[in-house]
PDB file of all heavy atoms in Angstrom:
ATOM      1  N   ASP A   1      47.402  39.304  10.110  1.00  0.00           N
ATOM      2  CA  ASP A   1      46.674  38.468   9.148  1.00  0.00           C
ATOM      3  C   ASP A   1      45.164  38.639   9.278  1.00  0.00           C
ATOM      4  O   ASP A   1      44.461  38.790   8.262  1.00  0.00           O
ATOM      5  CB  ASP A   1      47.044  36.995   9.343  1.00  0.00           C
ATOM      6  CG  ASP A   1      48.413  36.658   8.774  1.00  0.00           C
ATOM      7  OD1 ASP A   1      48.968  37.477   8.014  1.00  0.00           O
ATOM      8  OD2 ASP A   1      48.925  35.567   9.092  1.00  0.00           O
ATOM      9  N   ILE A   2      44.648  38.607  10.506  1.00  0.00           N
ATOM     10  CA  ILE A   2      43.182  38.698  10.650  1.00  0.00           C
ATOM     11  C   ILE A   2      42.683  40.106  10.313  1.00  0.00           C
ATOM     12  O   ILE A   2      41.594  40.265   9.754  1.00  0.00           O
ATOM     13  CB  ILE A   2      42.704  38.237  12.043  1.00  0.00           C
ATOM     14  CG1 ILE A   2      43.259  39.127  13.169  1.00  0.00           C
ATOM     15  CG2 ILE A   2      43.054  36.776  12.277  1.00  0.00           C
ATOM     16  CD1 ILE A   2      42.636  38.806  14.534  1.00  0.00           C
ATOM     17  N   ALA A   3      43.498  41.121  10.634  1.00  0.00           N
ATOM     18  CA  ALA A   3      43.119  42.487  10.245  1.00  0.00           C
ATOM     19  C   ALA A   3      43.097  42.626   8.729  1.00  0.00           C
ATOM     20  O   ALA A   3      42.185  43.230   8.151  1.00  0.00           O
ATOM     21  CB  ALA A   3      44.079  43.497  10.863  1.00  0.00           C
ATOM     22  N   THR A   4      44.099  42.041   8.074  1.00  0.00           N
ATOM     23  CA  THR A   4      44.172  42.096   6.610  1.00  0.00           C
ATOM     24  C   THR A   4      42.976  41.399   5.981  1.00  0.00           C
ATOM     25  O   THR A   4      42.380  41.897   5.014  1.00  0.00           O
ATOM     26  CB  THR A   4      45.485  41.447   6.126  1.00  0.00           C
ATOM     27  OG1 THR A   4      46.598  42.124   6.736  1.00  0.00           O
ATOM     28  CG2 THR A   4      45.617  41.536   4.613  1.00  0.00           C
ATOM     29  N   GLU A   5      42.608  40.236   6.509  1.00  0.00           N
ATOM     30  CA  GLU A   5      41.432  39.519   6.009  1.00  0.00           C
ATOM     31  C   GLU A   5      40.168  40.370   6.135  1.00  0.00           C
ATOM     32  O   GLU A   5      39.324  40.400   5.222  1.00  0.00           O
ATOM     33  CB  GLU A   5      41.252  38.215   6.785  1.00  0.00           C
ATOM     34  CG  GLU A   5      42.319  37.170   6.501  1.00  0.00           C
ATOM     35  CD  GLU A   5      42.214  35.991   7.455  1.00  0.00           C
ATOM     36  OE1 GLU A   5      41.285  35.976   8.294  1.00  0.00           O
ATOM     37  OE2 GLU A   5      43.070  35.092   7.372  1.00  0.00           O
ATOM     38  N   ASP A   6      40.043  41.073   7.255  1.00  0.00           N
ATOM     39  CA  ASP A   6      38.847  41.891   7.474  1.00  0.00           C
ATOM     40  C   ASP A   6      38.807  43.089   6.543  1.00  0.00           C
ATOM     41  O   ASP A   6      37.739  43.438   6.007  1.00  0.00           O
ATOM     42  CB  ASP A   6      38.790  42.348   8.934  1.00  0.00           C
ATOM     43  CG  ASP A   6      38.581  41.193   9.901  1.00  0.00           C
ATOM     44  OD1 ASP A   6      38.182  40.096   9.457  1.00  0.00           O
ATOM     45  OD2 ASP A   6      38.835  41.378  11.108  1.00  0.00           O
ATOM     46  N   ILE A   7      39.951  43.731   6.333  1.00  0.00           N
ATOM     47  CA  ILE A   7      39.973  44.877   5.416  1.00  0.00           C
ATOM     48  C   ILE A   7      39.738  44.415   3.980  1.00  0.00           C
ATOM     49  O   ILE A   7      39.056  45.095   3.197  1.00  0.00           O
ATOM     50  CB  ILE A   7      41.303  45.649   5.535  1.00  0.00           C
ATOM     51  CG1 ILE A   7      41.484  46.189   6.962  1.00  0.00           C
ATOM     52  CG2 ILE A   7      41.345  46.808   4.533  1.00  0.00           C
ATOM     53  CD1 ILE A   7      40.310  47.020   7.473  1.00  0.00           C
ATOM     54  N   ALA A   8      40.227  43.232   3.630  1.00  0.00           N
ATOM     55  CA  ALA A   8      39.937  42.674   2.306  1.00  0.00           C
ATOM     56  C   ALA A   8      38.438  42.465   2.135  1.00  0.00           C
ATOM     57  O   ALA A   8      37.866  42.769   1.074  1.00  0.00           O
ATOM     58  CB  ALA A   8      40.694  41.362   2.103  1.00  0.00           C
ATOM     59  N   ALA A   9      37.780  41.954   3.182  1.00  0.00           N
ATOM     60  CA  ALA A   9      36.329  41.749   3.112  1.00  0.00           C
ATOM     61  C   ALA A   9      35.600  43.079   2.977  1.00  0.00           C
ATOM     62  O   ALA A   9      34.600  43.186   2.248  1.00  0.00           O
ATOM     63  CB  ALA A   9      35.859  41.002   4.359  1.00  0.00           C
ATOM     64  N   ALA A  10      36.089  44.104   3.676  1.00  0.00           N
ATOM     65  CA  ALA A  10      35.478  45.432   3.578  1.00  0.00           C
ATOM     66  C   ALA A  10      35.615  45.991   2.165  1.00  0.00           C
ATOM     67  O   ALA A  10      34.663  46.552   1.598  1.00  0.00           O
ATOM     68  CB  ALA A  10      36.108  46.379   4.592  1.00  0.00           C
ATOM     69  N   VAL A  11      36.806  45.842   1.577  1.00  0.00           N
ATOM     70  CA  VAL A  11      37.037  46.348   0.219  1.00  0.00           C
ATOM     71  C   VAL A  11      36.159  45.600  -0.778  1.00  0.00           C
ATOM     72  O   VAL A  11      35.576  46.205  -1.691  1.00  0.00           O
ATOM     73  CB  VAL A  11      38.523  46.225  -0.153  1.00  0.00           C
ATOM     74  CG1 VAL A  11      38.743  46.527  -1.631  1.00  0.00           C
ATOM     75  CG2 VAL A  11      39.365  47.169   0.708  1.00  0.00           C
ATOM     76  N   ALA A  12      36.046  44.277  -0.615  1.00  0.00           N
ATOM     77  CA  ALA A  12      35.187  43.495  -1.501  1.00  0.00           C
ATOM     78  C   ALA A  12      33.728  43.956  -1.385  1.00  0.00           C
ATOM     79  O   ALA A  12      33.003  44.023  -2.389  1.00  0.00           O
ATOM     80  CB  ALA A  12      35.304  42.008  -1.167  1.00  0.00           C
ATOM     81  N   PHE A  13      33.309  44.294  -0.175  1.00  0.00           N
ATOM     82  CA  PHE A  13      31.947  44.791   0.046  1.00  0.00           C
ATOM     83  C   PHE A  13      31.750  46.135  -0.654  1.00  0.00           C
ATOM     84  O   PHE A  13      30.708  46.370  -1.293  1.00  0.00           O
ATOM     85  CB  PHE A  13      31.701  44.932   1.546  1.00  0.00           C
ATOM     86  CG  PHE A  13      30.273  45.223   1.921  1.00  0.00           C
ATOM     87  CD1 PHE A  13      29.362  44.199   2.093  1.00  0.00           C
ATOM     88  CD2 PHE A  13      29.850  46.531   2.116  1.00  0.00           C
ATOM     89  CE1 PHE A  13      28.038  44.468   2.441  1.00  0.00           C
ATOM     90  CE2 PHE A  13      28.536  46.811   2.468  1.00  0.00           C
ATOM     91  CZ  PHE A  13      27.625  45.772   2.623  1.00  0.00           C
ATOM     92  N   VAL A  14      32.742  47.006  -0.553  1.00  0.00           N
ATOM     93  CA  VAL A  14      32.672  48.306  -1.224  1.00  0.00           C
ATOM     94  C   VAL A  14      32.581  48.113  -2.736  1.00  0.00           C
ATOM     95  O   VAL A  14      31.752  48.730  -3.415  1.00  0.00           O
ATOM     96  CB  VAL A  14      33.885  49.184  -0.861  1.00  0.00           C
ATOM     97  CG1 VAL A  14      33.876  50.473  -1.684  1.00  0.00           C
ATOM     98  CG2 VAL A  14      33.896  49.514   0.626  1.00  0.00           C
ATOM     99  N   ALA A  15      33.434  47.245  -3.271  1.00  0.00           N
ATOM    100  CA  ALA A  15      33.419  46.999  -4.716  1.00  0.00           C
ATOM    101  C   ALA A  15      32.064  46.445  -5.164  1.00  0.00           C
ATOM    102  O   ALA A  15      31.563  46.800  -6.237  1.00  0.00           O
ATOM    103  CB  ALA A  15      34.537  46.032  -5.091  1.00  0.00           C
ATOM    104  N   GLY A  16      31.461  45.610  -4.316  1.00  0.00           N
ATOM    105  CA  GLY A  16      30.166  45.039  -4.657  1.00  0.00           C
ATOM    106  C   GLY A  16      29.019  46.025  -4.615  1.00  0.00           C
ATOM    107  O   GLY A  16      27.968  45.792  -5.215  1.00  0.00           O
ATOM    108  N   HIS A  17      29.211  47.124  -3.883  1.00  0.00           N
ATOM    109  CA  HIS A  17      28.161  48.153  -3.769  1.00  0.00           C
ATOM    110  C   HIS A  17      28.571  49.458  -4.450  1.00  0.00           C
ATOM    111  O   HIS A  17      27.960  50.501  -4.211  1.00  0.00           O
ATOM    112  CB  HIS A  17      27.857  48.424  -2.293  1.00  0.00           C
ATOM    113  CG  HIS A  17      27.171  47.282  -1.605  1.00  0.00           C
ATOM    114  ND1 HIS A  17      27.851  46.158  -1.195  1.00  0.00           N
ATOM    115  CD2 HIS A  17      25.868  47.079  -1.266  1.00  0.00           C
ATOM    116  CE1 HIS A  17      27.010  45.311  -0.619  1.00  0.00           C
ATOM    117  NE2 HIS A  17      25.800  45.839  -0.655  1.00  0.00           N
ATOM    118  N   ALA A  18      29.604  49.404  -5.279  1.00  0.00           N
ATOM    119  CA  ALA A  18      30.171  50.619  -5.862  1.00  0.00           C
ATOM    120  C   ALA A  18      29.140  51.430  -6.635  1.00  0.00           C
ATOM    121  O   ALA A  18      29.014  52.646  -6.442  1.00  0.00           O
ATOM    122  CB  ALA A  18      31.351  50.253  -6.756  1.00  0.00           C
ATOM    123  N   ALA A  19      28.397  50.770  -7.493  1.00  0.00           N
ATOM    124  CA  ALA A  19      27.415  51.504  -8.304  1.00  0.00           C
ATOM    125  C   ALA A  19      26.358  52.154  -7.435  1.00  0.00           C
ATOM    126  O   ALA A  19      25.950  53.305  -7.674  1.00  0.00           O
ATOM    127  CB  ALA A  19      26.764  50.552  -9.310  1.00  0.00           C
ATOM    128  N   GLU A  20      25.934  51.449  -6.396  1.00  0.00           N
ATOM    129  CA  GLU A  20      24.912  51.969  -5.479  1.00  0.00           C
ATOM    130  C   GLU A  20      25.384  53.229  -4.770  1.00  0.00           C
ATOM    131  O   GLU A  20      24.594  54.146  -4.512  1.00  0.00           O
ATOM    132  CB  GLU A  20      24.575  50.876  -4.472  1.00  0.00           C
ATOM    133  CG  GLU A  20      23.609  51.269  -3.376  1.00  0.00           C
ATOM    134  CD  GLU A  20      23.470  50.170  -2.341  1.00  0.00           C
ATOM    135  OE1 GLU A  20      23.855  49.015  -2.616  1.00  0.00           O
ATOM    136  OE2 GLU A  20      22.981  50.473  -1.228  1.00  0.00           O
ATOM    137  N   TRP A  21      26.681  53.269  -4.450  1.00  0.00           N
ATOM    138  CA  TRP A  21      27.225  54.400  -3.683  1.00  0.00           C
ATOM    139  C   TRP A  21      27.870  55.460  -4.564  1.00  0.00           C
ATOM    140  O   TRP A  21      28.475  56.407  -4.065  1.00  0.00           O
ATOM    141  CB  TRP A  21      28.259  53.892  -2.677  1.00  0.00           C
ATOM    142  CG  TRP A  21      27.699  52.933  -1.666  1.00  0.00           C
ATOM    143  CD1 TRP A  21      26.391  52.779  -1.317  1.00  0.00           C
ATOM    144  CD2 TRP A  21      28.439  51.997  -0.883  1.00  0.00           C
ATOM    145  NE1 TRP A  21      26.257  51.801  -0.354  1.00  0.00           N
ATOM    146  CE2 TRP A  21      27.502  51.304  -0.066  1.00  0.00           C
ATOM    147  CE3 TRP A  21      29.784  51.669  -0.765  1.00  0.00           C
ATOM    148  CZ2 TRP A  21      27.878  50.309   0.843  1.00  0.00           C
ATOM    149  CZ3 TRP A  21      30.179  50.680   0.130  1.00  0.00           C
ATOM    150  CH2 TRP A  21      29.225  50.016   0.917  1.00  0.00           C
ATOM    151  N   GLY A  22      27.793  55.319  -5.874  1.00  0.00           N
ATOM    152  CA  GLY A  22      28.410  56.286  -6.771  1.00  0.00           C
ATOM    153  C   GLY A  22      29.915  56.204  -6.795  1.00  0.00           C
ATOM    154  O   GLY A  22      30.612  57.216  -6.962  1.00  0.00           O
ATOM    155  N   VAL A  23      30.440  54.995  -6.644  1.00  0.00           N
ATOM    156  CA  VAL A  23      31.885  54.770  -6.587  1.00  0.00           C
ATOM    157  C   VAL A  23      32.329  53.985  -7.817  1.00  0.00           C
ATOM    158  O   VAL A  23      31.629  53.069  -8.276  1.00  0.00           O
ATOM    159  CB  VAL A  23      32.258  53.990  -5.303  1.00  0.00           C
ATOM    160  CG1 VAL A  23      33.694  53.475  -5.355  1.00  0.00           C
ATOM    161  CG2 VAL A  23      32.045  54.868  -4.076  1.00  0.00           C
ATOM    162  N   ASP A  24      33.492  54.325  -8.356  1.00  0.00           N
ATOM    163  CA  ASP A  24      34.136  53.536  -9.398  1.00  0.00           C
ATOM    164  C   ASP A  24      35.013  52.494  -8.693  1.00  0.00           C
ATOM    165  O   ASP A  24      35.969  52.846  -8.000  1.00  0.00           O
ATOM    166  CB  ASP A  24      34.980  54.440 -10.295  1.00  0.00           C
ATOM    167  CG  ASP A  24      35.596  53.692 -11.473  1.00  0.00           C
ATOM    168  OD1 ASP A  24      35.776  52.467 -11.378  1.00  0.00           O
ATOM    169  OD2 ASP A  24      35.938  54.353 -12.479  1.00  0.00           O
ATOM    170  N   ALA A  25      34.703  51.214  -8.856  1.00  0.00           N
ATOM    171  CA  ALA A  25      35.425  50.155  -8.145  1.00  0.00           C
ATOM    172  C   ALA A  25      36.907  50.099  -8.509  1.00  0.00           C
ATOM    173  O   ALA A  25      37.715  49.544  -7.755  1.00  0.00           O
ATOM    174  CB  ALA A  25      34.772  48.805  -8.421  1.00  0.00           C
ATOM    175  N   ASP A  26      37.277  50.667  -9.643  1.00  0.00           N
ATOM    176  CA  ASP A  26      38.684  50.710 -10.045  1.00  0.00           C
ATOM    177  C   ASP A  26      39.399  51.946  -9.499  1.00  0.00           C
ATOM    178  O   ASP A  26      40.582  52.155  -9.781  1.00  0.00           O
ATOM    179  CB  ASP A  26      38.800  50.689 -11.565  1.00  0.00           C
ATOM    180  CG  ASP A  26      38.345  49.361 -12.162  1.00  0.00           C
ATOM    181  OD1 ASP A  26      38.591  48.317 -11.523  1.00  0.00           O
ATOM    182  OD2 ASP A  26      37.742  49.368 -13.253  1.00  0.00           O
ATOM    183  N   ARG A  27      38.671  52.761  -8.735  1.00  0.00           N
ATOM    184  CA  ARG A  27      39.264  53.980  -8.182  1.00  0.00           C
ATOM    185  C   ARG A  27      39.100  54.007  -6.652  1.00  0.00           C
ATOM    186  O   ARG A  27      38.698  55.008  -6.075  1.00  0.00           O
ATOM    187  CB  ARG A  27      38.624  55.209  -8.828  1.00  0.00           C
ATOM    188  CG  ARG A  27      38.960  55.342 -10.303  1.00  0.00           C
ATOM    189  CD  ARG A  27      38.312  56.539 -10.967  1.00  0.00           C
ATOM    190  NE  ARG A  27      38.761  56.677 -12.335  1.00  0.00           N
ATOM    191  CZ  ARG A  27      39.863  57.331 -12.722  1.00  0.00           C
ATOM    192  NH1 ARG A  27      40.603  57.942 -11.814  1.00  0.00           N
ATOM    193  NH2 ARG A  27      40.210  57.397 -13.986  1.00  0.00           N
ATOM    194  N   ILE A  28      39.420  52.885  -6.048  1.00  0.00           N
ATOM    195  CA  ILE A  28      39.379  52.773  -4.591  1.00  0.00           C
ATOM    196  C   ILE A  28      40.793  52.918  -4.052  1.00  0.00           C
ATOM    197  O   ILE A  28      41.689  52.138  -4.394  1.00  0.00           O
ATOM    198  CB  ILE A  28      38.766  51.437  -4.145  1.00  0.00           C
ATOM    199  CG1 ILE A  28      37.318  51.316  -4.641  1.00  0.00           C
ATOM    200  CG2 ILE A  28      38.823  51.302  -2.622  1.00  0.00           C
ATOM    201  CD1 ILE A  28      36.683  49.968  -4.355  1.00  0.00           C
ATOM    202  N   VAL A  29      40.990  53.917  -3.233  1.00  0.00           N
ATOM    203  CA  VAL A  29      42.283  54.218  -2.616  1.00  0.00           C
ATOM    204  C   VAL A  29      42.271  53.675  -1.192  1.00  0.00           C
ATOM    205  O   VAL A  29      41.276  53.814  -0.466  1.00  0.00           O
ATOM    206  CB  VAL A  29      42.531  55.742  -2.598  1.00  0.00           C
ATOM    207  CG1 VAL A  29      43.818  56.086  -1.854  1.00  0.00           C
ATOM    208  CG2 VAL A  29      42.547  56.292  -4.024  1.00  0.00           C
TER     209      VAL A  29
END
């Protein structure tokens, strides 16, 4: 559970910075 919560936070952080990093937030694998 705590690992899942942390990875969810990481993914949310990536989605929030997607444009800055040249990432499409809908194309996160």
